[in-house]
Amino acid sequence: MSSGSWKLFHDALCIFKEEREKTRPSSLATCRSFSGAWILLTSAACNLLVTSSVSNFCFPAIAALTTLCLHSTNMETLPRRRFISNTIGTTLGAAFLQPTEVLLARPVSSSDRGRGIRLGGPIFVKTDDPEELALAHRKLGYRAAYCPKISLDDSARIRAIADAFARHDVVIAEVGRWVNLLDADGEKRRANLKLVTEGLALAEAVGAMGCVDIAGSYNPSSWFGPHPDNFSPRFFDAAVENARAIIDAVKPKRARFSYEMMGWAIPETPARYLKLIKAIDRKAFAVHLDPCNIVSSPEKFYRNAQLLNECFDKLGRWIVSCHAKDLTWDVEMNLHFREVRPGAGSMDYKTYLRRLASLDHGAPLMLEHLPDAEEYDKARSHLFALGNEIGISFDSNLGYRPTTTR
């Protein structure tokens, strides 16, 4: 989308709001400055529609114009009512006459075609040699990797892994530290906080994109299980405090710390994640996106393309890494979504890949939770084929840099 078109729309909207606020409702019909502001706004909206191919226009522009339409229906009779209604109809009609795939899937622009995504996943080789590990990823077509097992105290091995993976253009996507930061046992809770803090320090030392964990759970029997208090203000405050403590202890310059999204614990929605980012208020806090984890209802299952777009619209600038899997619905007497490999379920991977490829900073996509090497092979082949179909490469030499700052 043209930044100039968006700026024009934004400025026109500000002018319209100013004129709307300072003009009495009874005078709107005859106020030339108000009418001029309206014409300017609709013209800017149409220009934005044309230059963006709807990819980023629909939601802000249509929401704004719809709101203005509602305002108009509450005004006194306007001689220009027919003109205004026709203007709205033309603008909204142009948007909704676009193909459904354009509105929901948000295809990449011509400038995005050929941009790549770094795919990664587990490898099934028996070696600890850094060079062999890096080459094993490349052999599978991976340009991203989970961090190999390594101790924070082993500086020589950390350096060897960092050098070998960089030499073969394999980005270490994440250091996973899957423990409960809200364990009911105080001693375990402190030990888990220490483990995750060391994980972020390792990510910084080895050149990984970041360290990831869930925010935790108050469930006494499952470290990641559901609990009614997992949505409470107490949980939110504890998640903020823990993230700040981890980041402030390490003070990373490059690596990021993030919480994985969960269906039954904060952050469970893009909106809640955004509130968490603002509350934590640390440059080194980022987003780990696993959209399957937050598909927790039939509506989200069927409308997962909308959910994906919401994630990228609200969180895109902070996304540092992503997980790849899929969901299928096993029909029973109650709700049961089951994880499967990408392509064997109902997640809209065209939307997922397109939105991920459009990020300015690049974020690895990591396959996970599959039972064996054969399933990973099928998942990888499916994503390569789908990427080729929609013009997105998984085999590009991408120059990664840290996520953009706020």
Protein backbone atom coordinates (compact mmCIF):
# COMPACT_ATOMS: atom_id res chain seq x y z
CA MET A 1 0.00 0.00 0.00
CA SER A 2 1.19 3.50 -0.80
CA SER A 3 2.14 5.39 2.37
CA GLY A 4 1.13 8.60 0.60
CA SER A 5 -2.39 7.28 -0.02
CA TRP A 6 -2.78 6.27 3.60
CA LYS A 7 -1.52 9.67 4.80
CA LEU A 8 -3.97 11.41 2.49
CA PHE A 9 -6.85 9.33 3.88
CA HIS A 10 -5.72 9.95 7.47
CA ASP A 11 -5.42 13.71 6.95
CA ALA A 12 -8.80 13.85 5.20
CA LEU A 13 -10.43 11.97 8.06
CA CYS A 14 -8.94 14.39 10.61
CA ILE A 15 -10.23 17.38 8.62
CA PHE A 16 -13.69 15.83 8.37
CA LYS A 17 -13.82 15.19 12.12
CA GLU A 18 -12.84 18.78 12.86
CA GLU A 19 -15.55 20.15 10.55
CA ARG A 20 -18.12 17.72 11.94
CA GLU A 21 -17.39 18.76 15.54
CA LYS A 22 -17.50 22.52 14.95
CA THR A 23 -20.59 22.54 12.71
CA ARG A 24 -24.09 22.46 14.24
CA PRO A 25 -26.19 19.49 13.02
CA SER A 26 -28.82 21.90 11.68
CA SER A 27 -26.16 23.61 9.55
CA LEU A 28 -24.55 20.56 8.01
CA ALA A 29 -26.69 20.79 4.91
CA THR A 30 -25.51 24.27 4.02
CA CYS A 31 -21.98 24.36 5.46
CA ARG A 32 -19.63 24.38 2.52
CA SER A 33 -16.56 23.56 4.61
CA PHE A 34 -18.28 20.43 5.94
CA SER A 35 -19.38 19.36 2.46
CA GLY A 36 -15.90 19.97 1.13
CA ALA A 37 -14.41 17.90 3.94
CA TRP A 38 -16.81 15.07 3.11
CA ILE A 39 -15.89 15.12 -0.57
CA LEU A 40 -12.18 15.18 0.32
CA LEU A 41 -12.59 12.19 2.64
CA THR A 42 -14.49 10.03 0.15
CA SER A 43 -12.04 10.91 -2.61
CA ALA A 44 -9.11 9.95 -0.39
CA ALA A 45 -10.87 6.71 0.53
CA CYS A 46 -11.41 5.80 -3.10
CA ASN A 47 -7.77 6.60 -3.86
CA LEU A 48 -6.70 4.36 -0.99
CA LEU A 49 -8.94 1.59 -2.27
CA VAL A 50 -7.33 1.70 -5.70
CA THR A 51 -3.72 1.89 -4.49
CA SER A 52 -4.03 -0.79 -1.82
CA SER A 53 -6.07 -3.39 -3.73
CA VAL A 54 -8.14 -3.65 -0.55
CA SER A 55 -5.31 -5.37 1.30
CA ASN A 56 -5.13 -2.81 4.10
CA PHE A 57 -7.98 -0.48 3.18
CA CYS A 58 -11.15 -2.38 3.99
CA PHE A 59 -11.17 -2.36 7.74
CA PRO A 60 -10.17 1.22 8.64
CA ALA A 61 -11.78 2.92 5.67
CA ILE A 62 -15.05 1.00 5.59
CA ALA A 63 -15.39 1.32 9.37
CA ALA A 64 -14.87 5.08 9.10
CA LEU A 65 -17.30 5.53 6.21
CA THR A 66 -19.92 3.32 7.86
CA THR A 67 -19.69 5.42 11.02
CA LEU A 68 -20.11 8.58 8.96
CA CYS A 69 -23.12 7.05 7.25
CA LEU A 70 -24.74 6.43 10.63
CA HIS A 71 -24.05 10.02 11.60
CA SER A 72 -25.70 11.15 8.39
CA THR A 73 -28.92 9.24 9.13
CA ASN A 74 -29.31 11.18 12.38
CA MET A 75 -28.93 14.60 10.72
CA GLU A 76 -31.79 16.80 9.76
CA THR A 77 -32.94 16.46 6.14
CA LEU A 78 -30.05 17.26 3.83
CA PRO A 79 -30.38 18.47 0.27
CA ARG A 80 -27.13 16.62 -0.41
CA ARG A 81 -28.42 13.38 1.12
CA ARG A 82 -28.65 11.68 -2.26
CA PHE A 83 -25.10 12.75 -3.11
CA ILE A 84 -23.73 11.50 0.18
CA SER A 85 -25.56 8.16 -0.01
CA ASN A 86 -24.37 7.67 -3.57
CA THR A 87 -20.80 8.43 -2.52
CA ILE A 88 -20.94 5.89 0.27
CA GLY A 89 -22.53 3.32 -2.00
CA THR A 90 -19.89 3.78 -4.67
CA THR A 91 -17.01 3.50 -2.20
CA LEU A 92 -18.36 0.51 -0.29
CA GLY A 93 -19.60 -1.14 -3.45
CA ALA A 94 -16.16 -0.92 -5.01
CA ALA A 95 -14.74 -2.61 -1.94
CA PHE A 96 -17.27 -5.41 -1.68
CA LEU A 97 -17.29 -6.15 -5.41
CA GLN A 98 -13.74 -7.41 -5.00
CA PRO A 99 -13.45 -11.22 -4.92
CA THR A 100 -14.00 -12.81 -1.52
CA GLU A 101 -10.46 -14.16 -1.54
CA VAL A 102 -9.12 -10.63 -1.89
CA LEU A 103 -11.09 -9.40 1.10
CA LEU A 104 -10.27 -12.29 3.37
CA ALA A 105 -6.96 -13.69 2.18
CA ARG A 106 -5.22 -10.35 1.61
CA PRO A 107 -2.94 -11.41 -1.24
CA VAL A 108 0.57 -10.06 -1.38
CA SER A 109 1.23 -7.25 -3.80
CA SER A 110 3.43 -7.66 -6.87
CA SER A 111 6.34 -6.24 -4.87
CA ASP A 112 5.88 -9.03 -2.30
CA ARG A 113 5.94 -11.85 -4.84
CA GLY A 114 9.18 -13.74 -4.53
CA ARG A 115 9.69 -12.65 -0.95
CA GLY A 116 10.56 -15.58 1.20
CA ILE A 117 9.73 -17.17 4.51
CA ARG A 118 12.22 -19.09 6.58
CA LEU A 119 10.73 -22.47 7.37
CA GLY A 120 12.10 -24.68 10.11
CA GLY A 121 11.31 -27.74 12.16
CA PRO A 122 12.80 -30.64 14.08
CA ILE A 123 15.50 -32.70 12.38
CA PHE A 124 15.99 -36.40 12.92
CA VAL A 125 19.75 -36.83 12.95
CA LYS A 126 21.99 -38.31 15.63
CA THR A 127 24.80 -35.82 15.94
CA ASP A 128 25.92 -33.00 18.21
CA ASP A 129 28.34 -31.51 15.71
CA PRO A 130 27.33 -27.89 14.94
CA GLU A 131 28.36 -28.15 11.30
CA GLU A 132 26.40 -31.35 10.73
CA LEU A 133 23.37 -29.92 12.51
CA ALA A 134 23.33 -26.83 10.32
CA LEU A 135 23.77 -28.87 7.15
CA ALA A 136 20.99 -31.24 8.17
CA HIS A 137 18.59 -28.29 8.20
CA ARG A 138 19.74 -27.10 4.79
CA LYS A 139 19.35 -30.60 3.37
CA LEU A 140 15.65 -30.47 4.26
CA GLY A 141 15.22 -27.00 2.79
CA TYR A 142 15.01 -25.38 6.22
CA ARG A 143 16.42 -21.89 6.75
CA ALA A 144 15.35 -21.78 10.41
CA ALA A 145 15.94 -24.04 13.38
CA TYR A 146 15.03 -24.70 16.96
CA CYS A 147 17.99 -24.05 19.22
CA PRO A 148 20.05 -27.23 19.74
CA LYS A 149 20.50 -28.49 23.27
CA ILE A 150 23.20 -26.41 24.88
CA SER A 151 24.21 -25.11 28.29
CA LEU A 152 24.47 -21.40 28.92
CA ASP A 153 27.82 -22.09 30.60
CA ASP A 154 29.31 -23.74 27.49
CA SER A 155 30.54 -20.60 25.73
CA ALA A 156 32.72 -22.54 23.25
CA ARG A 157 29.78 -24.64 22.01
CA ILE A 158 27.52 -21.58 21.89
CA ARG A 159 30.06 -19.86 19.64
CA ALA A 160 30.50 -22.95 17.46
CA ILE A 161 26.75 -23.34 16.93
CA ALA A 162 26.28 -19.64 16.20
CA ASP A 163 29.12 -19.68 13.66
CA ALA A 164 28.04 -22.88 11.90
CA PHE A 165 24.39 -21.88 11.58
CA ALA A 166 25.29 -18.39 10.37
CA ARG A 167 27.74 -19.81 7.85
CA HIS A 168 25.00 -21.97 6.34
CA ASP A 169 22.32 -19.26 6.54
CA VAL A 170 20.15 -21.00 9.12
CA VAL A 171 18.48 -18.68 11.63
CA ILE A 172 17.91 -20.03 15.13
CA ALA A 173 14.26 -19.12 15.56
CA GLU A 174 13.66 -19.80 19.22
CA VAL A 175 14.91 -21.10 22.51
CA GLY A 176 11.92 -22.88 24.04
CA ARG A 177 11.54 -22.90 27.80
CA TRP A 178 8.26 -24.69 28.38
CA VAL A 179 7.60 -24.39 32.11
CA ASN A 180 4.92 -22.89 34.35
CA LEU A 181 5.91 -19.42 35.49
CA LEU A 182 2.85 -19.38 37.78
CA ASP A 183 3.35 -22.73 39.48
CA ALA A 184 1.55 -22.94 42.81
CA ASP A 185 4.75 -24.22 44.46
CA GLY A 186 6.87 -21.19 45.26
CA GLU A 187 10.17 -23.04 44.94
CA LYS A 188 9.25 -24.47 41.54
CA ARG A 189 8.02 -21.07 40.44
CA ARG A 190 11.35 -19.44 41.27
CA ALA A 191 13.26 -22.26 39.56
CA ASN A 192 11.11 -21.88 36.44
CA LEU A 193 11.67 -18.13 36.35
CA LYS A 194 15.42 -18.73 36.56
CA LEU A 195 15.26 -21.31 33.75
CA VAL A 196 13.39 -18.96 31.42
CA THR A 197 15.72 -16.07 32.26
CA GLU A 198 18.67 -18.26 31.34
CA GLY A 199 16.83 -19.20 28.14
CA LEU A 200 16.65 -15.57 27.08
CA ALA A 201 20.32 -15.13 27.94
CA LEU A 202 21.12 -18.18 25.78
CA ALA A 203 19.05 -16.77 22.90
CA GLU A 204 21.03 -13.56 23.09
CA ALA A 205 24.36 -15.41 23.22
CA VAL A 206 23.68 -17.86 20.37
CA GLY A 207 22.07 -15.30 18.07
CA ALA A 208 18.54 -16.70 18.26
CA MET A 209 15.50 -14.60 17.47
CA GLY A 210 14.18 -15.07 20.97
CA CYS A 211 13.08 -17.18 23.91
CA VAL A 212 9.46 -18.30 24.26
CA ASP A 213 7.29 -19.77 27.02
CA ILE A 214 3.62 -19.63 27.89
CA ALA A 215 2.59 -17.06 30.50
CA GLY A 216 1.70 -19.92 32.82
CA SER A 217 -1.34 -21.48 34.47
CA TYR A 218 -2.97 -21.69 37.89
CA ASN A 219 -4.01 -25.27 37.16
CA PRO A 220 -2.57 -27.36 40.03
CA SER A 221 -2.21 -30.60 38.03
CA SER A 222 -1.19 -29.47 34.52
CA TRP A 223 1.55 -26.91 33.88
CA PHE A 224 -0.34 -25.58 30.82
CA GLY A 225 -3.90 -26.60 31.73
CA PRO A 226 -7.09 -24.56 31.99
CA HIS A 227 -8.16 -22.69 35.12
CA PRO A 228 -10.81 -19.98 35.68
CA ASP A 229 -8.21 -17.59 37.09
CA ASN A 230 -6.10 -17.79 33.91
CA PHE A 231 -8.16 -14.84 32.64
CA SER A 232 -8.08 -12.83 35.84
CA PRO A 233 -6.41 -9.46 36.56
CA ARG A 234 -4.13 -11.36 38.94
CA PHE A 235 -2.91 -13.54 36.07
CA PHE A 236 -2.40 -10.53 33.80
CA ASP A 237 -0.40 -8.66 36.45
CA ALA A 238 1.76 -11.72 37.16
CA ALA A 239 2.47 -12.16 33.44
CA VAL A 240 3.56 -8.53 33.23
CA GLU A 241 5.77 -8.82 36.30
CA ASN A 242 7.46 -12.02 35.11
CA ALA A 243 8.18 -10.69 31.61
CA ARG A 244 9.69 -7.53 33.02
CA ALA A 245 11.81 -9.50 35.50
CA ILE A 246 13.16 -11.81 32.78
CA ILE A 247 13.95 -9.01 30.34
CA ASP A 248 15.42 -6.68 32.96
CA ALA A 249 17.71 -9.42 34.26
CA VAL A 250 19.17 -10.17 30.81
CA LYS A 251 18.93 -6.76 29.11
CA PRO A 252 19.14 -8.30 25.62
CA LYS A 253 20.17 -6.12 22.71
CA ARG A 254 18.95 -8.48 19.97
CA ALA A 255 16.93 -11.43 21.28
CA ARG A 256 13.29 -11.04 22.29
CA PHE A 257 11.17 -12.67 24.97
CA SER A 258 7.62 -13.68 24.12
CA TYR A 259 4.61 -15.54 25.40
CA GLU A 260 2.93 -18.16 23.24
CA MET A 261 -0.77 -17.52 22.72
CA MET A 262 -3.10 -20.03 24.39
CA GLY A 263 -6.81 -20.74 24.15
CA TRP A 264 -7.37 -20.92 27.90
CA ALA A 265 -4.87 -18.46 29.32
CA ILE A 266 -3.74 -14.91 28.67
CA PRO A 267 -2.83 -13.91 25.97
CA GLU A 268 -5.75 -15.66 24.29
CA THR A 269 -6.69 -12.97 21.75
CA PRO A 270 -4.76 -10.44 19.64
CA ALA A 271 -6.41 -7.61 21.59
CA ARG A 272 -5.29 -9.04 24.93
CA TYR A 273 -1.77 -9.59 23.60
CA LEU A 274 -1.66 -5.94 22.55
CA LYS A 275 -2.67 -4.86 26.07
CA LEU A 276 0.05 -7.10 27.46
CA ILE A 277 2.68 -5.52 25.18
CA LYS A 278 1.69 -2.06 26.34
CA ALA A 279 1.61 -3.06 30.01
CA ILE A 280 5.01 -4.81 29.95
CA ASP A 281 6.49 -1.80 28.14
CA ARG A 282 9.80 -3.35 27.19
CA LYS A 283 11.44 -3.15 23.76
CA ALA A 284 12.65 -6.74 24.16
CA PHE A 285 9.13 -8.12 24.59
CA ALA A 286 7.70 -9.50 21.36
CA VAL A 287 4.96 -11.74 19.97
CA HIS A 288 5.15 -15.45 19.32
CA LEU A 289 2.25 -16.36 17.02
CA ASP A 290 0.58 -19.76 17.12
CA PRO A 291 -2.87 -19.16 15.60
CA CYS A 292 -4.07 -22.73 16.07
CA ASN A 293 -3.75 -22.31 19.82
CA ILE A 294 -6.40 -19.60 19.93
CA VAL A 295 -8.99 -21.34 17.74
CA SER A 296 -11.30 -22.17 20.62
CA SER A 297 -14.79 -22.03 19.10
CA PRO A 298 -16.65 -23.08 15.93
CA GLU A 299 -16.82 -19.44 14.84
CA LYS A 300 -13.05 -19.03 15.05
CA PHE A 301 -12.56 -22.37 13.33
CA TYR A 302 -14.72 -21.42 10.36
CA ARG A 303 -13.49 -17.83 10.24
CA ASN A 304 -9.83 -18.49 10.90
CA ALA A 305 -8.78 -16.28 7.97
CA GLN A 306 -10.33 -13.33 9.78
CA LEU A 307 -8.57 -14.38 12.97
CA LEU A 308 -5.24 -14.57 11.15
CA ASN A 309 -5.74 -11.13 9.65
CA GLU A 310 -6.60 -9.72 13.05
CA CYS A 311 -3.41 -11.20 14.50
CA PHE A 312 -1.25 -9.62 11.82
CA ASP A 313 -3.16 -6.33 11.79
CA LYS A 314 -2.78 -5.83 15.53
CA LEU A 315 0.47 -7.63 16.31
CA GLY A 316 2.44 -7.81 13.06
CA ARG A 317 5.15 -5.33 13.99
CA TRP A 318 6.01 -7.35 17.11
CA ILE A 319 5.86 -10.90 15.70
CA VAL A 320 9.27 -12.53 16.14
CA SER A 321 8.46 -16.18 15.37
CA CYS A 322 5.51 -18.40 14.45
CA HIS A 323 4.44 -22.02 14.76
CA ALA A 324 2.99 -24.07 11.92
CA LYS A 325 0.40 -26.79 12.38
CA ASP A 326 -3.24 -27.27 11.41
CA LEU A 327 -6.57 -28.15 12.99
CA THR A 328 -9.32 -30.59 12.12
CA TRP A 329 -12.68 -30.92 13.86
CA ASP A 330 -13.49 -34.38 15.18
CA VAL A 331 -17.28 -34.36 15.43
CA GLU A 332 -18.39 -35.64 18.82
CA MET A 333 -21.04 -34.67 21.35
CA ASN A 334 -18.79 -31.82 22.44
CA LEU A 335 -16.15 -29.67 20.82
CA HIS A 336 -12.90 -31.43 19.85
CA PHE A 337 -10.30 -29.78 17.64
CA ARG A 338 -7.29 -31.96 16.87
CA GLU A 339 -3.85 -30.87 15.73
CA VAL A 340 -2.68 -32.22 12.36
CA ARG A 341 0.01 -31.30 9.85
CA PRO A 342 -0.44 -28.20 7.66
CA GLY A 343 -2.67 -29.05 4.72
CA ALA A 344 -4.57 -31.79 6.54
CA GLY A 345 -6.85 -29.39 8.38
CA SER A 346 -8.90 -26.23 7.87
CA MET A 347 -6.52 -23.36 8.66
CA ASP A 348 -6.25 -20.87 5.82
CA TYR A 349 -2.55 -21.23 5.06
CA LYS A 350 -2.72 -19.00 1.99
CA THR A 351 -3.67 -16.14 4.26
CA TYR A 352 -1.12 -17.19 6.89
CA LEU A 353 1.76 -17.35 4.42
CA ARG A 354 0.81 -14.17 2.60
CA ARG A 355 0.57 -12.14 5.78
CA LEU A 356 3.78 -13.60 7.17
CA ALA A 357 5.68 -12.92 3.94
CA SER A 358 4.49 -9.31 3.97
CA LEU A 359 6.15 -8.50 7.31
CA ASP A 360 8.97 -6.02 6.85
CA HIS A 361 11.24 -7.64 9.42
CA GLY A 362 10.75 -11.34 8.64
CA ALA A 363 9.78 -14.01 11.18
CA PRO A 364 10.56 -17.75 10.97
CA LEU A 365 7.77 -20.31 10.64
CA MET A 366 8.42 -23.45 12.67
CA LEU A 367 6.69 -26.81 12.19
CA GLU A 368 5.80 -28.57 15.44
CA HIS A 369 3.82 -31.30 17.24
CA LEU A 370 3.95 -33.91 14.49
CA PRO A 371 4.52 -37.56 15.41
CA ASP A 372 7.42 -38.52 13.13
CA ALA A 373 9.79 -37.53 10.33
CA GLU A 374 7.36 -38.75 7.65
CA GLU A 375 4.65 -36.34 8.80
CA TYR A 376 7.15 -33.49 8.88
CA ASP A 377 8.17 -34.38 5.32
CA LYS A 378 4.54 -34.20 4.19
CA ALA A 379 3.98 -30.91 5.99
CA ARG A 380 7.12 -29.38 4.52
CA SER A 381 6.26 -30.53 0.99
CA HIS A 382 2.77 -29.11 1.28
CA LEU A 383 4.03 -25.70 2.38
CA PHE A 384 6.66 -25.60 -0.37
CA ALA A 385 3.99 -26.44 -2.99
CA LEU A 386 1.53 -23.91 -1.58
CA GLY A 387 4.19 -21.23 -1.47
CA ASN A 388 5.05 -21.91 -5.10
CA GLU A 389 1.35 -21.64 -6.00
CA ILE A 390 0.94 -18.19 -4.44
CA GLY A 391 4.39 -16.85 -5.29
CA ILE A 392 6.12 -17.13 -1.92
CA SER A 393 9.52 -18.78 -1.66
CA PHE A 394 10.87 -20.86 1.19
CA ASP A 395 14.35 -20.99 -0.31
CA SER A 396 15.47 -17.36 -0.36
CA ASN A 397 18.59 -15.83 1.13
CA LEU A 398 16.87 -13.53 3.55
CA GLY A 399 18.83 -10.96 5.52
CA TYR A 400 17.13 -11.00 8.91
CA ARG A 401 17.31 -8.16 11.36
CA PRO A 402 15.69 -7.77 14.80
CA THR A 403 12.03 -6.88 14.96
CA THR A 404 11.16 -3.25 14.44
CA THR A 405 11.05 -1.00 17.44
CA ARG A 406 7.88 0.69 18.67
